[in-house]
Amino acid sequence: MKIVAVIQARVGSTRLPGKVLLPLRGRPVLERMLARVAHASELDEIVVATTRLAADDSIRALAATLGVRCVSGDPTDLVDRHLLAATVTDADAIVKIPSDCPLIDPTIIDQTVGHFRSHFPDFDFVSNLHPPTWPDGNDVEVIARAIRSEGREALLQLCAGVGLKNRLAHGPSLRVEGSIICA
């Protein structure tokens, strides 16, 4: 089973534009983030997903310098970028991790992905966010190929963090495991 982390990054953040390229102890935040995620042993690959806008050329250049695959998709459609990363890498599951969490704990990534692997195919979606069980900045969501196959709308709901309670309460077609609490 191939599990790929997708780090969504763009310079067009509305709250703090260019935040992923701001220096953190002399290196861009995105570089620090990628270095931490690389310590997660349960991942088969890490991909940066950005937009195809010229403004994000610096993200593509940084990823290339670091030897990390980068995909570029629709500037306004995060789901498109995740689907593109999954397709390009032929992933069986993707791990959705935001790029503005440079202190993410690789152990938490491994515990969440490990839970997904050890219970596959029982769940299509495993997360530590629904409801949040870890401090902010340790957000990990594992999304199986089955969700991508079910359609763009299912993935859109999961990427937006909506619809989970509704799916759980009304006989969901997706098998969801939320609130992974690891010791």
C-alpha atoms as a PDB file:
ATOM      1  CA  MET A   1       0.000   0.000   0.000  1.00  0.00           C
ATOM      2  CA  LYS A   2       1.438   3.344  -1.059  1.00  0.00           C
ATOM      3  CA  ILE A   3       0.687   6.236   1.303  1.00  0.00           C
ATOM      4  CA  VAL A   4       1.733   9.729   0.234  1.00  0.00           C
ATOM      5  CA  ALA A   5       1.797  12.892   2.342  1.00  0.00           C
ATOM      6  CA  VAL A   6       0.437  15.904   0.506  1.00  0.00           C
ATOM      7  CA  ILE A   7       1.688  19.206   1.875  1.00  0.00           C
ATOM      8  CA  GLN A   8      -0.536  21.949   0.502  1.00  0.00           C
ATOM      9  CA  ALA A   9       1.452  25.165   0.057  1.00  0.00           C
ATOM     10  CA  ARG A  10       0.893  28.470  -1.669  1.00  0.00           C
ATOM     11  CA  VAL A  11       2.159  32.005  -1.244  1.00  0.00           C
ATOM     12  CA  GLY A  12      -1.319  33.502  -1.611  1.00  0.00           C
ATOM     13  CA  SER A  13      -2.410  33.015   1.983  1.00  0.00           C
ATOM     14  CA  THR A  14      -4.973  35.645   2.905  1.00  0.00           C
ATOM     15  CA  ARG A  15      -3.965  36.009   6.561  1.00  0.00           C
ATOM     16  CA  LEU A  16      -0.182  36.038   6.071  1.00  0.00           C
ATOM     17  CA  PRO A  17       0.875  36.021   2.404  1.00  0.00           C
ATOM     18  CA  GLY A  18       4.068  34.096   1.720  1.00  0.00           C
ATOM     19  CA  LYS A  19       4.127  32.532   5.195  1.00  0.00           C
ATOM     20  CA  VAL A  20       5.468  29.176   3.960  1.00  0.00           C
ATOM     21  CA  LEU A  21       8.561  30.945   2.632  1.00  0.00           C
ATOM     22  CA  LEU A  22       9.221  33.107   5.679  1.00  0.00           C
ATOM     23  CA  PRO A  23      12.497  32.284   7.430  1.00  0.00           C
ATOM     24  CA  LEU A  24      12.458  30.089  10.507  1.00  0.00           C
ATOM     25  CA  ARG A  25      15.957  29.871  11.987  1.00  0.00           C
ATOM     26  CA  GLY A  26      17.456  30.728   8.617  1.00  0.00           C
ATOM     27  CA  ARG A  27      15.376  28.346   6.460  1.00  0.00           C
ATOM     28  CA  PRO A  28      11.919  28.706   4.877  1.00  0.00           C
ATOM     29  CA  VAL A  29       9.025  27.418   6.992  1.00  0.00           C
ATOM     30  CA  LEU A  30       8.154  24.950   4.210  1.00  0.00           C
ATOM     31  CA  GLU A  31      11.679  23.500   4.272  1.00  0.00           C
ATOM     32  CA  ARG A  32      11.465  23.028   8.051  1.00  0.00           C
ATOM     33  CA  MET A  33       8.045  21.428   7.634  1.00  0.00           C
ATOM     34  CA  LEU A  34       9.241  19.010   4.954  1.00  0.00           C
ATOM     35  CA  ALA A  35      12.234  18.017   7.075  1.00  0.00           C
ATOM     36  CA  ARG A  36       9.977  17.116  10.013  1.00  0.00           C
ATOM     37  CA  VAL A  37       7.488  15.203   7.864  1.00  0.00           C
ATOM     38  CA  ALA A  38      10.380  13.275   6.295  1.00  0.00           C
ATOM     39  CA  HIS A  39      11.049  11.733   9.719  1.00  0.00           C
ATOM     40  CA  ALA A  40       7.689   9.926   9.574  1.00  0.00           C
ATOM     41  CA  SER A  41       8.537   6.338   8.687  1.00  0.00           C
ATOM     42  CA  GLU A  42       4.968   5.320   7.714  1.00  0.00           C
ATOM     43  CA  LEU A  43       5.007   7.539   4.601  1.00  0.00           C
ATOM     44  CA  ASP A  44       6.124   6.270   1.211  1.00  0.00           C
ATOM     45  CA  GLU A  45       6.514   9.696  -0.365  1.00  0.00           C
ATOM     46  CA  ILE A  46       6.005  13.389   0.316  1.00  0.00           C
ATOM     47  CA  VAL A  47       4.561  15.712  -2.317  1.00  0.00           C
ATOM     48  CA  VAL A  48       4.093  19.469  -2.234  1.00  0.00           C
ATOM     49  CA  ALA A  49       0.818  20.558  -3.844  1.00  0.00           C
ATOM     50  CA  THR A  50       0.728  24.178  -4.949  1.00  0.00           C
ATOM     51  CA  THR A  51      -1.069  26.282  -7.515  1.00  0.00           C
ATOM     52  CA  ARG A  52      -0.063  26.780 -11.108  1.00  0.00           C
ATOM     53  CA  LEU A  53       0.182  30.550 -10.556  1.00  0.00           C
ATOM     54  CA  ALA A  54       3.514  32.228 -11.323  1.00  0.00           C
ATOM     55  CA  ALA A  55       3.515  33.534  -7.740  1.00  0.00           C
ATOM     56  CA  ASP A  56       4.090  29.944  -6.582  1.00  0.00           C
ATOM     57  CA  ASP A  57       7.194  29.429  -8.739  1.00  0.00           C
ATOM     58  CA  SER A  58       9.258  29.937  -5.578  1.00  0.00           C
ATOM     59  CA  ILE A  59       7.505  26.974  -3.930  1.00  0.00           C
ATOM     60  CA  ARG A  60       8.182  24.792  -6.976  1.00  0.00           C
ATOM     61  CA  ALA A  61      11.833  25.915  -6.972  1.00  0.00           C
ATOM     62  CA  LEU A  62      12.236  25.155  -3.262  1.00  0.00           C
ATOM     63  CA  ALA A  63      10.680  21.706  -3.668  1.00  0.00           C
ATOM     64  CA  ALA A  64      13.017  20.980  -6.607  1.00  0.00           C
ATOM     65  CA  THR A  65      16.044  22.117  -4.616  1.00  0.00           C
ATOM     66  CA  LEU A  66      15.014  19.814  -1.762  1.00  0.00           C
ATOM     67  CA  GLY A  67      14.335  16.881  -4.109  1.00  0.00           C
ATOM     68  CA  VAL A  68      10.621  16.763  -3.254  1.00  0.00           C
ATOM     69  CA  ARG A  69       8.049  16.160  -5.968  1.00  0.00           C
ATOM     70  CA  CYS A  70       5.745  19.132  -6.528  1.00  0.00           C
ATOM     71  CA  VAL A  71       2.425  19.239  -8.360  1.00  0.00           C
ATOM     72  CA  SER A  72       0.669  22.394  -9.493  1.00  0.00           C
ATOM     73  CA  GLY A  73      -3.093  22.628  -9.804  1.00  0.00           C
ATOM     74  CA  ASP A  74      -6.044  24.942  -9.782  1.00  0.00           C
ATOM     75  CA  PRO A  75      -5.345  28.087  -7.722  1.00  0.00           C
ATOM     76  CA  THR A  76      -8.778  28.151  -6.099  1.00  0.00           C
ATOM     77  CA  ASP A  77      -9.410  24.417  -5.743  1.00  0.00           C
ATOM     78  CA  LEU A  78      -7.545  22.625  -2.959  1.00  0.00           C
ATOM     79  CA  VAL A  79      -9.328  19.361  -3.749  1.00  0.00           C
ATOM     80  CA  ASP A  80      -8.033  19.517  -7.325  1.00  0.00           C
ATOM     81  CA  ARG A  81      -4.475  19.773  -6.021  1.00  0.00           C
ATOM     82  CA  HIS A  82      -4.955  16.793  -3.682  1.00  0.00           C
ATOM     83  CA  LEU A  83      -6.498  14.677  -6.438  1.00  0.00           C
ATOM     84  CA  LEU A  84      -3.656  15.627  -8.757  1.00  0.00           C
ATOM     85  CA  ALA A  85      -1.031  14.618  -6.180  1.00  0.00           C
ATOM     86  CA  ALA A  86      -2.804  11.310  -5.594  1.00  0.00           C
ATOM     87  CA  THR A  87      -3.053  10.582  -9.317  1.00  0.00           C
ATOM     88  CA  VAL A  88       0.531  11.558 -10.156  1.00  0.00           C
ATOM     89  CA  THR A  89       1.934   9.368  -7.368  1.00  0.00           C
ATOM     90  CA  ASP A  90      -0.566   6.495  -7.849  1.00  0.00           C
ATOM     91  CA  ALA A  91      -1.208   6.642  -4.106  1.00  0.00           C
ATOM     92  CA  ASP A  92      -3.506   4.176  -2.380  1.00  0.00           C
ATOM     93  CA  ALA A  93      -4.070   6.833   0.289  1.00  0.00           C
ATOM     94  CA  ILE A  94      -2.996  10.404   0.826  1.00  0.00           C
ATOM     95  CA  VAL A  95      -2.155  12.116   4.090  1.00  0.00           C
ATOM     96  CA  LYS A  96      -3.426  15.686   4.150  1.00  0.00           C
ATOM     97  CA  ILE A  97      -1.077  17.939   6.129  1.00  0.00           C
ATOM     98  CA  PRO A  98      -1.159  21.762   6.046  1.00  0.00           C
ATOM     99  CA  SER A  99       2.115  23.520   5.222  1.00  0.00           C
ATOM    100  CA  ASP A 100       1.964  25.999   8.079  1.00  0.00           C
ATOM    101  CA  CYS A 101       2.697  23.444  10.809  1.00  0.00           C
ATOM    102  CA  PRO A 102       6.513  23.403  10.963  1.00  0.00           C
ATOM    103  CA  LEU A 103       6.498  21.821  14.422  1.00  0.00           C
ATOM    104  CA  ILE A 104       4.351  18.832  13.463  1.00  0.00           C
ATOM    105  CA  ASP A 105       5.424  15.708  15.316  1.00  0.00           C
ATOM    106  CA  PRO A 106       6.421  12.873  12.945  1.00  0.00           C
ATOM    107  CA  THR A 107       5.388  10.400  15.643  1.00  0.00           C
ATOM    108  CA  ILE A 108       1.810  11.651  15.433  1.00  0.00           C
ATOM    109  CA  ILE A 109       1.909  11.233  11.654  1.00  0.00           C
ATOM    110  CA  ASP A 110       3.198   7.676  12.105  1.00  0.00           C
ATOM    111  CA  GLN A 111       0.572   6.823  14.714  1.00  0.00           C
ATOM    112  CA  THR A 112      -2.295   8.078  12.575  1.00  0.00           C
ATOM    113  CA  VAL A 113      -1.016   6.509   9.347  1.00  0.00           C
ATOM    114  CA  GLY A 114      -0.104   3.331  11.249  1.00  0.00           C
ATOM    115  CA  HIS A 115      -3.674   3.119  12.559  1.00  0.00           C
ATOM    116  CA  PHE A 116      -4.962   3.466   9.003  1.00  0.00           C
ATOM    117  CA  ARG A 117      -2.575   0.768   7.706  1.00  0.00           C
ATOM    118  CA  SER A 118      -3.312  -1.688  10.510  1.00  0.00           C
ATOM    119  CA  HIS A 119      -7.085  -1.320  10.078  1.00  0.00           C
ATOM    120  CA  PHE A 120      -7.193  -1.196   6.304  1.00  0.00           C
ATOM    121  CA  PRO A 121      -9.640  -1.782   4.624  1.00  0.00           C
ATOM    122  CA  ASP A 122     -11.939  -1.143   7.593  1.00  0.00           C
ATOM    123  CA  PHE A 123     -11.731   2.657   7.204  1.00  0.00           C
ATOM    124  CA  ASP A 124     -11.630   5.015   4.230  1.00  0.00           C
ATOM    125  CA  PHE A 125     -10.726   8.038   6.342  1.00  0.00           C
ATOM    126  CA  VAL A 126      -8.689   8.290   9.545  1.00  0.00           C
ATOM    127  CA  SER A 127      -8.052  11.587  11.303  1.00  0.00           C
ATOM    128  CA  ASN A 128      -6.968  13.158  14.552  1.00  0.00           C
ATOM    129  CA  LEU A 129      -9.101  16.239  13.824  1.00  0.00           C
ATOM    130  CA  HIS A 130     -12.725  15.182  14.131  1.00  0.00           C
ATOM    131  CA  PRO A 131     -12.929  16.300  16.890  1.00  0.00           C
ATOM    132  CA  PRO A 132      -9.419  17.653  17.483  1.00  0.00           C
ATOM    133  CA  THR A 133      -7.400  15.422  19.808  1.00  0.00           C
ATOM    134  CA  TRP A 134      -3.937  16.940  19.449  1.00  0.00           C
ATOM    135  CA  PRO A 135      -2.638  20.501  19.841  1.00  0.00           C
ATOM    136  CA  ASP A 136      -3.042  22.732  16.809  1.00  0.00           C
ATOM    137  CA  GLY A 137      -0.271  22.152  14.294  1.00  0.00           C
ATOM    138  CA  ASN A 138      -0.407  18.341  14.468  1.00  0.00           C
ATOM    139  CA  ASP A 139      -3.241  17.902  11.966  1.00  0.00           C
ATOM    140  CA  VAL A 140      -3.169  14.545  10.178  1.00  0.00           C
ATOM    141  CA  GLU A 141      -5.885  13.171   7.885  1.00  0.00           C
ATOM    142  CA  VAL A 142      -5.501   9.928   5.924  1.00  0.00           C
ATOM    143  CA  ILE A 143      -7.806   9.623   2.913  1.00  0.00           C
ATOM    144  CA  ALA A 144      -8.111   6.308   1.042  1.00  0.00           C
ATOM    145  CA  ARG A 145      -8.420   5.838  -2.683  1.00  0.00           C
ATOM    146  CA  ALA A 146     -12.008   4.676  -2.065  1.00  0.00           C
ATOM    147  CA  ILE A 147     -12.981   8.239  -1.181  1.00  0.00           C
ATOM    148  CA  ARG A 148     -11.360   9.573  -4.331  1.00  0.00           C
ATOM    149  CA  SER A 149     -13.232   6.926  -6.304  1.00  0.00           C
ATOM    150  CA  GLU A 150     -16.513   7.897  -4.657  1.00  0.00           C
ATOM    151  CA  GLY A 151     -16.114  11.297  -6.158  1.00  0.00           C
ATOM    152  CA  ARG A 152     -14.916  14.804  -5.899  1.00  0.00           C
ATOM    153  CA  GLU A 153     -17.766  15.885  -3.605  1.00  0.00           C
ATOM    154  CA  ALA A 154     -16.844  13.336  -0.909  1.00  0.00           C
ATOM    155  CA  LEU A 155     -13.227  14.485  -0.945  1.00  0.00           C
ATOM    156  CA  LEU A 156     -14.292  18.121  -0.990  1.00  0.00           C
ATOM    157  CA  GLN A 157     -16.335  17.579   2.177  1.00  0.00           C
ATOM    158  CA  LEU A 158     -13.456  15.840   3.937  1.00  0.00           C
ATOM    159  CA  CYS A 159     -10.893  18.450   2.881  1.00  0.00           C
ATOM    160  CA  ALA A 160     -13.238  21.151   4.132  1.00  0.00           C
ATOM    161  CA  GLY A 161     -13.799  19.240   7.369  1.00  0.00           C
ATOM    162  CA  VAL A 162     -17.542  19.167   6.896  1.00  0.00           C
ATOM    163  CA  GLY A 163     -19.996  16.370   6.587  1.00  0.00           C
ATOM    164  CA  LEU A 164     -18.288  13.885   8.905  1.00  0.00           C
ATOM    165  CA  LYS A 165     -20.862  13.978  11.685  1.00  0.00           C
ATOM    166  CA  ASN A 166     -23.617  13.804   9.106  1.00  0.00           C
ATOM    167  CA  ARG A 167     -22.026  10.790   7.411  1.00  0.00           C
ATOM    168  CA  LEU A 168     -21.510   9.040  10.745  1.00  0.00           C
ATOM    169  CA  ALA A 169     -25.046   9.710  11.962  1.00  0.00           C
ATOM    170  CA  HIS A 170     -26.892   8.748   8.795  1.00  0.00           C
ATOM    171  CA  GLY A 171     -25.371   5.455   7.668  1.00  0.00           C
ATOM    172  CA  PRO A 172     -22.410   6.739   5.689  1.00  0.00           C
ATOM    173  CA  SER A 173     -21.183   4.914   2.633  1.00  0.00           C
ATOM    174  CA  LEU A 174     -17.685   5.863   3.744  1.00  0.00           C
ATOM    175  CA  ARG A 175     -16.035   4.143   6.682  1.00  0.00           C
ATOM    176  CA  VAL A 176     -14.679   6.908   8.896  1.00  0.00           C
ATOM    177  CA  GLU A 177     -12.463   6.740  11.975  1.00  0.00           C
ATOM    178  CA  GLY A 178     -12.140  10.120  13.644  1.00  0.00           C
ATOM    179  CA  SER A 179     -10.339  11.278  16.748  1.00  0.00           C
ATOM    180  CA  ILE A 180      -7.379   8.936  16.704  1.00  0.00           C
ATOM    181  CA  ILE A 181      -5.977   9.171  20.182  1.00  0.00           C
ATOM    182  CA  CYS A 182      -2.529   7.639  20.363  1.00  0.00           C
ATOM    183  CA  ALA A 183      -0.458   7.242  23.497  1.00  0.00           C
END
